[in-house]
Amino acid sequence: MSYKNLSYTISNFFVMLFMYVFVSHRYSKPKTITICAASFLAIAVPNVLKLNIYPDSRLCYFLVTIYQIAMTQLTGLLISKRRDSKTLFVGLSGSNYVVAGSIMAAILHICTGNLYLCIAGCIVTHVAILLVLYTKIQDICLKYQEETMQSWWKLCLIPVFFYCGFSSFT
């Protein structure tokens, strides 16, 4: 498996883990884990299309990416106790969370060419950030999801614009 395949798969795994950790659950723990695992497979498998079968097709890359974004957001809405803009905000933030691990993998791959080192760096970065977020803001995040507040639709623009802005530079 190539560096890109592994990096994308790891990012897909960690975005689902982020969703599991930061979305208040509607279902039991085993059922929520099963939904997240199925969603992980549903978003990871199409990477083969865009990275291996049609690596030079911009249309394929675009369509698969849109599908993956939709599946990620639908997973959040499916597992969430409240299916609202707060859940969407968490899902969009999860997509941004995995950017740092992907950057670390790319830097290590370019600098060393060592597949194992770049994958280890990617995983360590994802785990380190997730642990910090988990210990510092998980309780706050879950608490705010339970409170009745105004809509978070405008807040959803923050992670969207960050991701779009970052993607336009790469």
Protein backbone atom coordinates (compact mmCIF):
# COMPACT_ATOMS: atom_id res chain seq x y z
CA MET A 1 0.00 0.00 0.00
CA SER A 2 1.33 3.43 -0.88
CA TYR A 3 2.02 6.34 1.42
CA LYS A 4 -1.06 8.24 0.20
CA ASN A 5 -3.37 5.26 0.68
CA LEU A 6 -2.14 4.73 4.22
CA SER A 7 -2.25 8.42 5.10
CA TYR A 8 -5.81 8.80 3.78
CA THR A 9 -6.95 5.63 5.56
CA ILE A 10 -5.43 6.76 8.85
CA SER A 11 -7.10 10.16 8.50
CA ASN A 12 -10.43 8.47 7.73
CA PHE A 13 -10.06 6.36 10.86
CA PHE A 14 -9.25 9.33 13.07
CA VAL A 15 -12.07 11.49 11.73
CA MET A 16 -14.50 8.71 12.67
CA LEU A 17 -12.85 8.40 16.08
CA PHE A 18 -13.21 12.17 16.50
CA MET A 19 -16.90 11.90 15.66
CA TYR A 20 -17.33 9.09 18.16
CA VAL A 21 -15.59 11.04 20.93
CA PHE A 22 -17.16 14.47 20.38
CA VAL A 23 -20.74 13.73 19.34
CA SER A 24 -23.30 12.96 22.05
CA HIS A 25 -24.54 9.46 21.29
CA ARG A 26 -28.09 8.54 20.41
CA TYR A 27 -27.42 4.80 20.54
CA SER A 28 -25.61 2.37 22.81
CA LYS A 29 -21.82 2.27 22.75
CA PRO A 30 -21.61 -0.98 20.69
CA LYS A 31 -24.15 0.25 18.15
CA THR A 32 -22.42 3.62 17.82
CA ILE A 33 -19.04 1.93 17.36
CA THR A 34 -20.56 -0.34 14.69
CA ILE A 35 -22.02 2.65 12.83
CA CYS A 36 -18.68 4.49 12.98
CA ALA A 37 -16.79 1.38 11.82
CA ALA A 38 -19.18 0.87 8.90
CA SER A 39 -18.85 4.54 7.98
CA PHE A 40 -15.08 4.28 8.16
CA LEU A 41 -15.18 1.45 5.62
CA ALA A 42 -17.65 3.38 3.47
CA ILE A 43 -15.32 6.37 3.29
CA ALA A 44 -11.99 4.51 3.20
CA VAL A 45 -12.73 2.04 0.40
CA PRO A 46 -13.40 4.73 -2.25
CA ASN A 47 -9.85 6.00 -1.70
CA VAL A 48 -8.80 3.16 -4.01
CA LEU A 49 -10.82 4.78 -6.79
CA LYS A 50 -9.30 8.23 -6.45
CA LEU A 51 -5.76 7.17 -5.55
CA ASN A 52 -5.19 3.97 -7.51
CA ILE A 53 -7.71 3.31 -10.25
CA TYR A 54 -8.21 6.90 -11.47
CA PRO A 55 -5.31 8.82 -9.90
CA ASP A 56 -5.21 11.48 -12.62
CA SER A 57 -8.95 12.09 -12.81
CA ARG A 58 -9.96 15.36 -11.20
CA LEU A 59 -13.61 14.43 -11.61
CA CYS A 60 -13.16 11.14 -9.75
CA TYR A 61 -11.19 12.87 -7.00
CA PHE A 62 -13.88 15.54 -6.67
CA LEU A 63 -16.81 13.10 -6.66
CA VAL A 64 -15.20 10.70 -4.19
CA THR A 65 -14.25 13.58 -1.89
CA ILE A 66 -17.81 14.97 -1.95
CA TYR A 67 -19.13 11.47 -1.20
CA GLN A 68 -16.69 11.11 1.71
CA ILE A 69 -17.64 14.50 3.16
CA ALA A 70 -21.33 13.65 2.91
CA MET A 71 -20.82 10.23 4.54
CA THR A 72 -18.82 11.77 7.37
CA GLN A 73 -21.48 14.38 8.07
CA LEU A 74 -24.29 11.84 7.79
CA THR A 75 -22.49 9.61 10.28
CA GLY A 76 -22.40 12.44 12.78
CA LEU A 77 -26.08 13.15 12.25
CA LEU A 78 -26.93 9.45 12.51
CA ILE A 79 -25.12 8.80 15.79
CA SER A 80 -25.99 12.13 17.41
CA LYS A 81 -28.59 12.47 20.11
CA ARG A 82 -29.55 15.81 18.59
CA ARG A 83 -29.45 16.06 14.84
CA ASP A 84 -28.74 19.74 14.46
CA SER A 85 -26.15 22.33 13.51
CA LYS A 86 -24.05 21.52 16.59
CA THR A 87 -23.50 18.01 15.27
CA LEU A 88 -22.65 19.40 11.86
CA PHE A 89 -20.13 21.73 13.49
CA VAL A 90 -18.43 18.78 15.24
CA GLY A 91 -18.29 16.82 11.98
CA LEU A 92 -16.82 19.71 10.06
CA SER A 93 -14.31 20.33 12.84
CA GLY A 94 -13.30 16.66 12.69
CA SER A 95 -12.33 17.09 9.07
CA ASN A 96 -10.04 19.94 10.10
CA TYR A 97 -8.59 17.99 13.01
CA VAL A 98 -7.07 15.38 10.69
CA VAL A 99 -5.25 17.96 8.56
CA ALA A 100 -2.33 18.18 11.02
CA GLY A 101 -1.62 14.44 10.88
CA SER A 102 -1.75 14.48 7.10
CA ILE A 103 0.69 17.38 7.00
CA MET A 104 3.05 15.57 9.36
CA ALA A 105 2.93 12.46 7.18
CA ALA A 106 3.65 14.48 4.05
CA ILE A 107 6.57 16.34 5.64
CA LEU A 108 8.13 13.15 6.96
CA HIS A 109 7.60 11.41 3.63
CA ILE A 110 9.26 14.24 1.72
CA CYS A 111 12.14 14.64 4.18
CA THR A 112 12.92 10.99 4.83
CA GLY A 113 11.18 8.91 2.19
CA ASN A 114 10.63 6.37 4.96
CA LEU A 115 7.07 5.03 4.77
CA TYR A 116 7.09 3.65 8.31
CA LEU A 117 8.36 6.89 9.82
CA CYS A 118 5.81 9.03 8.00
CA ILE A 119 2.93 6.75 9.01
CA ALA A 120 4.15 6.67 12.61
CA GLY A 121 4.41 10.47 12.60
CA CYS A 122 0.90 10.71 11.19
CA ILE A 123 -0.53 8.42 13.87
CA VAL A 124 1.38 10.08 16.72
CA THR A 125 0.19 13.52 15.59
CA HIS A 126 -3.44 12.38 15.38
CA VAL A 127 -3.28 10.67 18.77
CA ALA A 128 -1.52 13.59 20.48
CA ILE A 129 -4.01 16.16 19.21
CA LEU A 130 -6.98 13.93 19.97
CA LEU A 131 -5.74 13.34 23.52
CA VAL A 132 -5.32 17.07 24.11
CA LEU A 133 -8.76 17.79 22.68
CA TYR A 134 -10.29 14.91 24.63
CA THR A 135 -8.84 15.98 27.96
CA LYS A 136 -9.41 19.71 27.49
CA ILE A 137 -12.67 20.16 25.60
CA GLN A 138 -14.65 16.93 25.29
CA ASP A 139 -16.79 17.56 28.37
CA ILE A 140 -17.40 21.15 27.31
CA CYS A 141 -18.30 20.08 23.78
CA LEU A 142 -20.75 17.42 24.94
CA LYS A 143 -22.28 19.83 27.48
CA TYR A 144 -22.96 22.45 24.82
CA GLN A 145 -24.57 19.85 22.58
CA GLU A 146 -27.07 19.12 25.34
CA GLU A 147 -27.99 22.74 25.97
CA THR A 148 -30.73 24.42 24.03
CA MET A 149 -29.12 27.37 22.32
CA GLN A 150 -29.48 29.33 19.17
CA SER A 151 -28.52 27.63 15.98
CA TRP A 152 -24.85 27.00 15.27
CA TRP A 153 -25.24 27.30 11.50
CA LYS A 154 -23.03 30.39 11.32
CA LEU A 155 -20.36 28.68 13.41
CA CYS A 156 -20.28 25.85 10.86
CA LEU A 157 -18.76 28.30 8.40
CA ILE A 158 -15.55 28.50 10.46
CA PRO A 159 -14.36 24.92 9.83
CA VAL A 160 -15.70 25.00 6.27
CA PHE A 161 -13.75 28.12 5.35
CA PHE A 162 -10.65 26.85 7.14
CA TYR A 163 -10.74 23.60 5.20
CA CYS A 164 -11.51 25.30 1.88
CA GLY A 165 -8.80 27.87 2.46
CA PHE A 166 -6.26 25.25 3.42
CA SER A 167 -7.20 23.01 0.50
CA SER A 168 -6.76 25.84 -1.98
CA PHE A 169 -3.11 26.24 -0.91
CA THR A 170 -2.21 22.59 -1.41
